[in-house]
């Protein structure tokens, strides 16, 4: 029997996916997003601790600063999650 027909665009996309694979077996851009998400989640926790420490010492300006950058990281986490969900969905559809 012959090989199954594949849409040309999907075949080209599959070839591109194969070229950008991280040594872990994950696509490079997906790996980068996972890494960014992980480090941003850690940063949210760390900045919260720094804000608490500063607050306990009466350093209100410093505490406010850490809370501000903690919120920036929370937004980064949210954005990275959306992008990661999109990429994983695209990868699944290309493999079907």
PDB file of N, CA and C in Angstrom:
ATOM      1  N   UNK A   1       0.823  -1.175   0.000  1.00  0.00           N
ATOM      2  CA  UNK A   1       0.000   0.000   0.000  1.00  0.00           C
ATOM      3  C   UNK A   1       0.873   1.246   0.000  1.00  0.00           C
ATOM      4  N   UNK A   2       0.322   2.335  -0.529  1.00  0.00           N
ATOM      5  CA  UNK A   2       1.048   3.599  -0.596  1.00  0.00           C
ATOM      6  C   UNK A   2       1.013   4.329   0.737  1.00  0.00           C
ATOM      7  N   UNK A   3       1.777   5.380   0.805  1.00  0.00           N
ATOM      8  CA  UNK A   3       1.790   6.186   2.025  1.00  0.00           C
ATOM      9  C   UNK A   3       0.548   7.051   2.094  1.00  0.00           C
ATOM     10  N   UNK A   4       0.157   7.392   3.304  1.00  0.00           N
ATOM     11  CA  UNK A   4      -1.034   8.213   3.506  1.00  0.00           C
ATOM     12  C   UNK A   4      -0.792   9.630   3.014  1.00  0.00           C
ATOM     13  N   UNK A   5      -1.840  10.224   2.493  1.00  0.00           N
ATOM     14  CA  UNK A   5      -1.748  11.612   2.025  1.00  0.00           C
ATOM     15  C   UNK A   5      -1.707  12.550   3.226  1.00  0.00           C
ATOM     16  N   UNK A   6      -0.828  13.510   3.172  1.00  0.00           N
ATOM     17  CA  UNK A   6      -0.756  14.541   4.209  1.00  0.00           C
ATOM     18  C   UNK A   6      -0.847  15.887   3.530  1.00  0.00           C
ATOM     19  N   UNK A   7      -1.548  16.787   4.194  1.00  0.00           N
ATOM     20  CA  UNK A   7      -1.649  18.136   3.653  1.00  0.00           C
ATOM     21  C   UNK A   7      -0.264  18.764   3.615  1.00  0.00           C
ATOM     22  N   UNK A   8       0.100  19.451   2.522  1.00  0.00           N
ATOM     23  CA  UNK A   8       1.440  20.031   2.394  1.00  0.00           C
ATOM     24  C   UNK A   8       1.823  20.951   3.544  1.00  0.00           C
ATOM     25  N   UNK A   9       0.909  21.797   4.020  1.00  0.00           N
ATOM     26  CA  UNK A   9       1.231  22.740   5.090  1.00  0.00           C
ATOM     27  C   UNK A   9       1.582  22.003   6.380  1.00  0.00           C
ATOM     28  N   UNK A  10       0.814  20.956   6.696  1.00  0.00           N
ATOM     29  CA  UNK A  10       1.105  20.189   7.904  1.00  0.00           C
ATOM     30  C   UNK A  10       2.452  19.494   7.789  1.00  0.00           C
ATOM     31  N   UNK A  11       2.779  18.991   6.607  1.00  0.00           N
ATOM     32  CA  UNK A  11       4.061  18.311   6.409  1.00  0.00           C
ATOM     33  C   UNK A  11       5.217  19.290   6.596  1.00  0.00           C
ATOM     34  N   UNK A  12       5.090  20.483   6.055  1.00  0.00           N
ATOM     35  CA  UNK A  12       6.132  21.493   6.222  1.00  0.00           C
ATOM     36  C   UNK A  12       6.270  21.855   7.698  1.00  0.00           C
ATOM     37  N   UNK A  13       5.158  22.030   8.387  1.00  0.00           N
ATOM     38  CA  UNK A  13       5.201  22.366   9.808  1.00  0.00           C
ATOM     39  C   UNK A  13       5.836  21.252  10.620  1.00  0.00           C
ATOM     40  N   UNK A  14       5.547  20.001  10.281  1.00  0.00           N
ATOM     41  CA  UNK A  14       6.173  18.870  10.976  1.00  0.00           C
ATOM     42  C   UNK A  14       7.685  18.900  10.800  1.00  0.00           C
ATOM     43  N   UNK A  15       8.126  19.226   9.609  1.00  0.00           N
ATOM     44  CA  UNK A  15       9.561  19.297   9.349  1.00  0.00           C
ATOM     45  C   UNK A  15      10.199  20.403  10.169  1.00  0.00           C
ATOM     46  N   UNK A  16       9.543  21.549  10.268  1.00  0.00           N
ATOM     47  CA  UNK A  16      10.074  22.652  11.075  1.00  0.00           C
ATOM     48  C   UNK A  16      10.136  22.250  12.540  1.00  0.00           C
ATOM     49  N   UNK A  17       9.110  21.552  13.036  1.00  0.00           N
ATOM     50  CA  UNK A  17       9.094  21.106  14.427  1.00  0.00           C
ATOM     51  C   UNK A  17      10.289  20.222  14.715  1.00  0.00           C
ATOM     52  N   UNK A  18      10.614  19.320  13.799  1.00  0.00           N
ATOM     53  CA  UNK A  18      11.715  18.390  14.011  1.00  0.00           C
ATOM     54  C   UNK A  18      13.054  19.108  14.100  1.00  0.00           C
ATOM     55  N   UNK A  19      13.191  20.228  13.410  1.00  0.00           N
ATOM     56  CA  UNK A  19      14.468  20.930  13.374  1.00  0.00           C
ATOM     57  C   UNK A  19      14.767  21.668  14.669  1.00  0.00           C
ATOM     58  N   UNK A  20      13.770  22.029  15.462  1.00  0.00           N
ATOM     59  CA  UNK A  20      13.987  22.856  16.634  1.00  0.00           C
ATOM     60  C   UNK A  20      13.714  22.090  17.928  1.00  0.00           C
ATOM     61  N   UNK A  21      14.239  20.892  18.036  1.00  0.00           N
ATOM     62  CA  UNK A  21      13.994  20.066  19.216  1.00  0.00           C
ATOM     63  C   UNK A  21      15.123  20.259  20.233  1.00  0.00           C
ATOM     64  N   UNK A  22      14.729  20.524  21.476  1.00  0.00           N
ATOM     65  CA  UNK A  22      15.664  20.645  22.589  1.00  0.00           C
ATOM     66  C   UNK A  22      16.193  19.247  22.921  1.00  0.00           C
ATOM     67  N   UNK A  23      17.392  19.126  23.490  1.00  0.00           N
ATOM     68  CA  UNK A  23      17.911  17.803  23.841  1.00  0.00           C
ATOM     69  C   UNK A  23      16.973  16.974  24.722  1.00  0.00           C
ATOM     70  N   UNK A  24      16.072  17.642  25.455  1.00  0.00           N
ATOM     71  CA  UNK A  24      15.109  16.932  26.302  1.00  0.00           C
ATOM     72  C   UNK A  24      14.013  16.259  25.492  1.00  0.00           C
ATOM     73  N   UNK A  25      13.945  16.576  24.188  1.00  0.00           N
ATOM     74  CA  UNK A  25      12.899  16.022  23.341  1.00  0.00           C
ATOM     75  C   UNK A  25      11.718  16.959  23.167  1.00  0.00           C
ATOM     76  N   UNK A  26      11.789  18.115  23.781  1.00  0.00           N
ATOM     77  CA  UNK A  26      10.721  19.112  23.682  1.00  0.00           C
ATOM     78  C   UNK A  26      11.146  20.159  22.663  1.00  0.00           C
ATOM     79  N   UNK A  27      10.193  20.646  21.882  1.00  0.00           N
ATOM     80  CA  UNK A  27      10.507  21.721  20.935  1.00  0.00           C
ATOM     81  C   UNK A  27      11.163  22.876  21.669  1.00  0.00           C
ATOM     82  N   UNK A  28      12.105  23.522  21.015  1.00  0.00           N
ATOM     83  CA  UNK A  28      12.867  24.601  21.635  1.00  0.00           C
ATOM     84  C   UNK A  28      12.019  25.728  22.177  1.00  0.00           C
ATOM     85  N   UNK A  29      11.047  26.207  21.398  1.00  0.00           N
ATOM     86  CA  UNK A  29      10.226  27.316  21.886  1.00  0.00           C
ATOM     87  C   UNK A  29       9.319  26.876  23.027  1.00  0.00           C
ATOM     88  N   UNK A  30       8.866  25.643  22.999  1.00  0.00           N
ATOM     89  CA  UNK A  30       8.056  25.115  24.100  1.00  0.00           C
ATOM     90  C   UNK A  30       8.901  25.003  25.358  1.00  0.00           C
ATOM     91  N   UNK A  31      10.114  24.506  25.212  1.00  0.00           N
ATOM     92  CA  UNK A  31      11.038  24.413  26.346  1.00  0.00           C
ATOM     93  C   UNK A  31      11.273  25.791  26.954  1.00  0.00           C
ATOM     94  N   UNK A  32      11.501  26.790  26.113  1.00  0.00           N
ATOM     95  CA  UNK A  32      11.744  28.152  26.590  1.00  0.00           C
ATOM     96  C   UNK A  32      10.548  28.686  27.373  1.00  0.00           C
ATOM     97  N   UNK A  33       9.346  28.406  26.890  1.00  0.00           N
ATOM     98  CA  UNK A  33       8.143  28.857  27.596  1.00  0.00           C
ATOM     99  C   UNK A  33       7.986  28.145  28.938  1.00  0.00           C
ATOM    100  N   UNK A  34       8.230  26.845  28.958  1.00  0.00           N
ATOM    101  CA  UNK A  34       8.139  26.088  30.207  1.00  0.00           C
ATOM    102  C   UNK A  34       9.147  26.636  31.220  1.00  0.00           C
ATOM    103  N   UNK A  35      10.351  26.883  30.752  1.00  0.00           N
ATOM    104  CA  UNK A  35      11.394  27.425  31.616  1.00  0.00           C
ATOM    105  C   UNK A  35      11.014  28.807  32.148  1.00  0.00           C
ATOM    106  N   UNK A  36      10.514  29.664  31.272  1.00  0.00           N
ATOM    107  CA  UNK A  36      10.090  31.003  31.683  1.00  0.00           C
ATOM    108  C   UNK A  36       8.969  30.918  32.704  1.00  0.00           C
ATOM    109  N   UNK A  37       8.004  30.045  32.449  1.00  0.00           N
ATOM    110  CA  UNK A  37       6.887  29.866  33.366  1.00  0.00           C
ATOM    111  C   UNK A  37       7.387  29.405  34.736  1.00  0.00           C
ATOM    112  N   UNK A  38       8.250  28.422  34.740  1.00  0.00           N
ATOM    113  CA  UNK A  38       8.805  27.888  35.993  1.00  0.00           C
ATOM    114  C   UNK A  38       9.523  28.987  36.790  1.00  0.00           C
ATOM    115  N   UNK A  39      10.385  29.721  36.133  1.00  0.00           N
ATOM    116  CA  UNK A  39      11.161  30.746  36.832  1.00  0.00           C
ATOM    117  C   UNK A  39      10.283  31.912  37.286  1.00  0.00           C
ATOM    118  N   UNK A  40       9.259  32.227  36.524  1.00  0.00           N
ATOM    119  CA  UNK A  40       8.347  33.294  36.937  1.00  0.00           C
ATOM    120  C   UNK A  40       7.525  32.864  38.146  1.00  0.00           C
ATOM    121  N   UNK A  41       7.103  31.614  38.172  1.00  0.00           N
ATOM    122  CA  UNK A  41       6.364  31.098  39.337  1.00  0.00           C
ATOM    123  C   UNK A  41       7.246  31.161  40.578  1.00  0.00           C
ATOM    124  N   UNK A  42       8.501  30.754  40.435  1.00  0.00           N
ATOM    125  CA  UNK A  42       9.438  30.849  41.556  1.00  0.00           C
ATOM    126  C   UNK A  42       9.613  32.292  42.010  1.00  0.00           C
ATOM    127  N   UNK A  43       9.719  33.207  41.051  1.00  0.00           N
ATOM    128  CA  UNK A  43       9.926  34.620  41.374  1.00  0.00           C
ATOM    129  C   UNK A  43       8.739  35.186  42.152  1.00  0.00           C
ATOM    130  N   UNK A  44       7.523  34.797  41.783  1.00  0.00           N
ATOM    131  CA  UNK A  44       6.335  35.266  42.509  1.00  0.00           C
ATOM    132  C   UNK A  44       6.469  34.903  43.985  1.00  0.00           C
ATOM    133  N   UNK A  45       6.857  33.679  44.246  1.00  0.00           N
ATOM    134  CA  UNK A  45       7.012  33.224  45.626  1.00  0.00           C
ATOM    135  C   UNK A  45       8.137  33.979  46.339  1.00  0.00           C
ATOM    136  N   UNK A  46       9.263  34.123  45.678  1.00  0.00           N
ATOM    137  CA  UNK A  46      10.423  34.784  46.287  1.00  0.00           C
ATOM    138  C   UNK A  46      10.122  36.253  46.580  1.00  0.00           C
ATOM    139  N   UNK A  47       9.526  36.964  45.612  1.00  0.00           N
ATOM    140  CA  UNK A  47       9.213  38.379  45.825  1.00  0.00           C
ATOM    141  C   UNK A  47       8.201  38.565  46.948  1.00  0.00           C
ATOM    142  N   UNK A  48       7.282  37.621  47.094  1.00  0.00           N
ATOM    143  CA  UNK A  48       6.346  37.673  48.213  1.00  0.00           C
ATOM    144  C   UNK A  48       7.068  37.574  49.546  1.00  0.00           C
ATOM    145  N   UNK A  49       8.047  36.691  49.608  1.00  0.00           N
ATOM    146  CA  UNK A  49       8.859  36.537  50.836  1.00  0.00           C
ATOM    147  C   UNK A  49       9.653  37.813  51.107  1.00  0.00           C
ATOM    148  N   UNK A  50      10.253  38.378  50.059  1.00  0.00           N
ATOM    149  CA  UNK A  50      11.006  39.617  50.228  1.00  0.00           C
ATOM    150  C   UNK A  50      10.099  40.739  50.720  1.00  0.00           C
ATOM    151  N   UNK A  51       8.884  40.808  50.189  1.00  0.00           N
ATOM    152  CA  UNK A  51       7.932  41.850  50.603  1.00  0.00           C
ATOM    153  C   UNK A  51       7.565  41.678  52.074  1.00  0.00           C
ATOM    154  N   UNK A  52       7.328  40.444  52.492  1.00  0.00           N
ATOM    155  CA  UNK A  52       7.013  40.172  53.901  1.00  0.00           C
ATOM    156  C   UNK A  52       8.173  40.556  54.802  1.00  0.00           C
ATOM    157  N   UNK A  53       9.387  40.185  54.412  1.00  0.00           N
ATOM    158  CA  UNK A  53      10.574  40.518  55.211  1.00  0.00           C
ATOM    159  C   UNK A  53      10.724  42.025  55.359  1.00  0.00           C
ATOM    160  N   UNK A  54      10.565  42.745  54.254  1.00  0.00           N
ATOM    161  CA  UNK A  54      10.703  44.201  54.288  1.00  0.00           C
ATOM    162  C   UNK A  54       9.606  44.818  55.162  1.00  0.00           C
ATOM    163  N   UNK A  55       8.402  44.295  55.058  1.00  0.00           N
ATOM    164  CA  UNK A  55       7.285  44.809  55.848  1.00  0.00           C
ATOM    165  C   UNK A  55       7.530  44.605  57.340  1.00  0.00           C
ATOM    166  N   UNK A  56       8.050  43.444  57.707  1.00  0.00           N
ATOM    167  CA  UNK A  56       8.341  43.157  59.113  1.00  0.00           C
ATOM    168  C   UNK A  56       9.405  44.094  59.677  1.00  0.00           C
ATOM    169  N   UNK A  57      10.275  44.580  58.821  1.00  0.00           N
ATOM    170  CA  UNK A  57      11.338  45.495  59.242  1.00  0.00           C
ATOM    171  C   UNK A  57      10.892  46.953  59.159  1.00  0.00           C
ATOM    172  N   UNK A  58       9.645  47.181  58.742  1.00  0.00           N
ATOM    173  CA  UNK A  58       9.145  48.543  58.623  1.00  0.00           C
ATOM    174  C   UNK A  58       9.592  49.256  57.366  1.00  0.00           C
ATOM    175  N   UNK A  59      10.100  48.521  56.411  1.00  0.00           N
ATOM    176  CA  UNK A  59      10.572  49.084  55.139  1.00  0.00           C
ATOM    177  C   UNK A  59       9.419  49.074  54.132  1.00  0.00           C
ATOM    178  N   UNK A  60       8.477  50.007  54.330  1.00  0.00           N
ATOM    179  CA  UNK A  60       7.264  50.010  53.510  1.00  0.00           C
ATOM    180  C   UNK A  60       7.538  50.269  52.034  1.00  0.00           C
ATOM    181  N   UNK A  61       8.458  51.170  51.729  1.00  0.00           N
ATOM    182  CA  UNK A  61       8.774  51.457  50.324  1.00  0.00           C
ATOM    183  C   UNK A  61       9.351  50.223  49.638  1.00  0.00           C
ATOM    184  N   UNK A  62      10.235  49.537  50.340  1.00  0.00           N
ATOM    185  CA  UNK A  62      10.837  48.319  49.793  1.00  0.00           C
ATOM    186  C   UNK A  62       9.791  47.215  49.639  1.00  0.00           C
ATOM    187  N   UNK A  63       8.929  47.095  50.642  1.00  0.00           N
ATOM    188  CA  UNK A  63       7.862  46.100  50.574  1.00  0.00           C
ATOM    189  C   UNK A  63       6.953  46.369  49.374  1.00  0.00           C
ATOM    190  N   UNK A  64       6.609  47.621  49.158  1.00  0.00           N
ATOM    191  CA  UNK A  64       5.776  48.000  48.015  1.00  0.00           C
ATOM    192  C   UNK A  64       6.466  47.652  46.703  1.00  0.00           C
ATOM    193  N   UNK A  65       7.757  47.925  46.629  1.00  0.00           N
ATOM    194  CA  UNK A  65       8.526  47.592  45.428  1.00  0.00           C
ATOM    195  C   UNK A  65       8.453  46.097  45.133  1.00  0.00           C
ATOM    196  N   UNK A  66       8.678  45.267  46.147  1.00  0.00           N
ATOM    197  CA  UNK A  66       8.637  43.817  45.924  1.00  0.00           C
ATOM    198  C   UNK A  66       7.237  43.336  45.545  1.00  0.00           C
ATOM    199  N   UNK A  67       6.221  43.957  46.114  1.00  0.00           N
ATOM    200  CA  UNK A  67       4.852  43.600  45.738  1.00  0.00           C
ATOM    201  C   UNK A  67       4.562  43.986  44.289  1.00  0.00           C
ATOM    202  N   UNK A  68       5.109  45.127  43.858  1.00  0.00           N
ATOM    203  CA  UNK A  68       4.916  45.552  42.468  1.00  0.00           C
ATOM    204  C   UNK A  68       5.559  44.583  41.487  1.00  0.00           C
ATOM    205  N   UNK A  69       6.795  44.179  41.775  1.00  0.00           N
ATOM    206  CA  UNK A  69       7.445  43.267  40.828  1.00  0.00           C
ATOM    207  C   UNK A  69       6.858  41.862  40.936  1.00  0.00           C
ATOM    208  N   UNK A  70       6.317  41.532  42.106  1.00  0.00           N
ATOM    209  CA  UNK A  70       5.610  40.258  42.241  1.00  0.00           C
ATOM    210  C   UNK A  70       4.393  40.245  41.317  1.00  0.00           C
ATOM    211  N   UNK A  71       3.673  41.353  41.270  1.00  0.00           N
ATOM    212  CA  UNK A  71       2.498  41.448  40.391  1.00  0.00           C
ATOM    213  C   UNK A  71       2.911  41.378  38.920  1.00  0.00           C
ATOM    214  N   UNK A  72       4.028  41.994  38.576  1.00  0.00           N
ATOM    215  CA  UNK A  72       4.531  41.897  37.208  1.00  0.00           C
ATOM    216  C   UNK A  72       4.817  40.437  36.840  1.00  0.00           C
ATOM    217  N   UNK A  73       5.398  39.702  37.767  1.00  0.00           N
ATOM    218  CA  UNK A  73       5.682  38.283  37.524  1.00  0.00           C
ATOM    219  C   UNK A  73       4.393  37.485  37.392  1.00  0.00           C
ATOM    220  N   UNK A  74       3.383  37.823  38.194  1.00  0.00           N
ATOM    221  CA  UNK A  74       2.085  37.128  38.076  1.00  0.00           C
ATOM    222  C   UNK A  74       1.511  37.301  36.675  1.00  0.00           C
ATOM    223  N   UNK A  75       1.624  38.521  36.145  1.00  0.00           N
ATOM    224  CA  UNK A  75       1.138  38.763  34.779  1.00  0.00           C
ATOM    225  C   UNK A  75       1.962  37.964  33.778  1.00  0.00           C
ATOM    226  N   UNK A  76       3.257  37.871  34.013  1.00  0.00           N
ATOM    227  CA  UNK A  76       4.126  37.093  33.134  1.00  0.00           C
ATOM    228  C   UNK A  76       3.734  35.610  33.180  1.00  0.00           C
ATOM    229  N   UNK A  77       3.419  35.113  34.372  1.00  0.00           N
ATOM    230  CA  UNK A  77       2.962  33.721  34.521  1.00  0.00           C
ATOM    231  C   UNK A  77       1.694  33.500  33.699  1.00  0.00           C
ATOM    232  N   UNK A  78       0.745  34.414  33.824  1.00  0.00           N
ATOM    233  CA  UNK A  78      -0.519  34.280  33.089  1.00  0.00           C
ATOM    234  C   UNK A  78      -0.282  34.273  31.586  1.00  0.00           C
ATOM    235  N   UNK A  79       0.546  35.170  31.114  1.00  0.00           N
ATOM    236  CA  UNK A  79       0.833  35.259  29.668  1.00  0.00           C
ATOM    237  C   UNK A  79       1.563  34.012  29.179  1.00  0.00           C
ATOM    238  N   UNK A  80       2.535  33.545  29.958  1.00  0.00           N
ATOM    239  CA  UNK A  80       3.286  32.347  29.570  1.00  0.00           C
ATOM    240  C   UNK A  80       2.366  31.133  29.513  1.00  0.00           C
ATOM    241  N   UNK A  81       1.414  31.032  30.438  1.00  0.00           N
ATOM    242  CA  UNK A  81       0.468  29.912  30.426  1.00  0.00           C
ATOM    243  C   UNK A  81      -0.369  29.920  29.160  1.00  0.00           C
ATOM    244  N   UNK A  82      -0.859  31.094  28.778  1.00  0.00           N
ATOM    245  CA  UNK A  82      -1.670  31.208  27.557  1.00  0.00           C
ATOM    246  C   UNK A  82      -0.850  30.788  26.340  1.00  0.00           C
ATOM    247  N   UNK A  83       0.366  31.327  26.243  1.00  0.00           N
ATOM    248  CA  UNK A  83       1.223  30.987  25.102  1.00  0.00           C
ATOM    249  C   UNK A  83       1.560  29.505  25.075  1.00  0.00           C
ATOM    250  N   UNK A  84       1.832  28.925  26.234  1.00  0.00           N
ATOM    251  CA  UNK A  84       2.160  27.504  26.306  1.00  0.00           C
ATOM    252  C   UNK A  84       0.959  26.655  25.889  1.00  0.00           C
ATOM    253  N   UNK A  85      -0.218  27.006  26.366  1.00  0.00           N
ATOM    254  CA  UNK A  85      -1.426  26.275  25.976  1.00  0.00           C
ATOM    255  C   UNK A  85      -1.622  26.321  24.462  1.00  0.00           C
ATOM    256  N   UNK A  86      -1.396  27.502  23.874  1.00  0.00           N
ATOM    257  CA  UNK A  86      -1.532  27.637  22.418  1.00  0.00           C
ATOM    258  C   UNK A  86      -0.533  26.749  21.692  1.00  0.00           C
ATOM    259  N   UNK A  87       0.718  26.770  22.125  1.00  0.00           N
ATOM    260  CA  UNK A  87       1.762  25.977  21.459  1.00  0.00           C
ATOM    261  C   UNK A  87       1.476  24.487  21.574  1.00  0.00           C
ATOM    262  N   UNK A  88       1.071  24.053  22.762  1.00  0.00           N
ATOM    263  CA  UNK A  88       0.786  22.627  22.947  1.00  0.00           C
ATOM    264  C   UNK A  88      -0.401  22.196  22.100  1.00  0.00           C
ATOM    265  N   UNK A  89      -1.388  23.052  21.995  1.00  0.00           N
ATOM    266  CA  UNK A  89      -2.540  22.759  21.149  1.00  0.00           C
ATOM    267  C   UNK A  89      -2.121  22.647  19.682  1.00  0.00           C
ATOM    268  N   UNK A  90      -1.254  23.564  19.232  1.00  0.00           N
ATOM    269  CA  UNK A  90      -0.755  23.519  17.858  1.00  0.00           C
ATOM    270  C   UNK A  90       0.041  22.245  17.601  1.00  0.00           C
ATOM    271  N   UNK A  91       0.862  21.869  18.554  1.00  0.00           N
ATOM    272  CA  UNK A  91       1.668  20.660  18.393  1.00  0.00           C
ATOM    273  C   UNK A  91       0.770  19.426  18.288  1.00  0.00           C
ATOM    274  N   UNK A  92      -0.263  19.369  19.134  1.00  0.00           N
ATOM    275  CA  UNK A  92      -1.179  18.232  19.087  1.00  0.00           C
ATOM    276  C   UNK A  92      -1.871  18.151  17.733  1.00  0.00           C
ATOM    277  N   UNK A  93      -2.308  19.290  17.229  1.00  0.00           N
ATOM    278  CA  UNK A  93      -3.026  19.283  15.944  1.00  0.00           C
ATOM    279  C   UNK A  93      -2.110  18.905  14.795  1.00  0.00           C
ATOM    280  N   UNK A  94      -0.845  19.242  14.883  1.00  0.00           N
ATOM    281  CA  UNK A  94       0.107  18.880  13.824  1.00  0.00           C
ATOM    282  C   UNK A  94       0.418  17.392  13.834  1.00  0.00           C
ATOM    283  N   UNK A  95       0.308  16.784  14.986  1.00  0.00           N
ATOM    284  CA  UNK A  95       0.617  15.356  15.102  1.00  0.00           C
ATOM    285  C   UNK A  95      -0.556  14.468  14.738  1.00  0.00           C
ATOM    286  N   UNK A  96      -1.712  15.060  14.584  1.00  0.00           N
ATOM    287  CA  UNK A  96      -2.917  14.255  14.259  1.00  0.00           C
ATOM    288  C   UNK A  96      -2.964  13.933  12.781  1.00  0.00           C
TER     289      UNK A  96
END
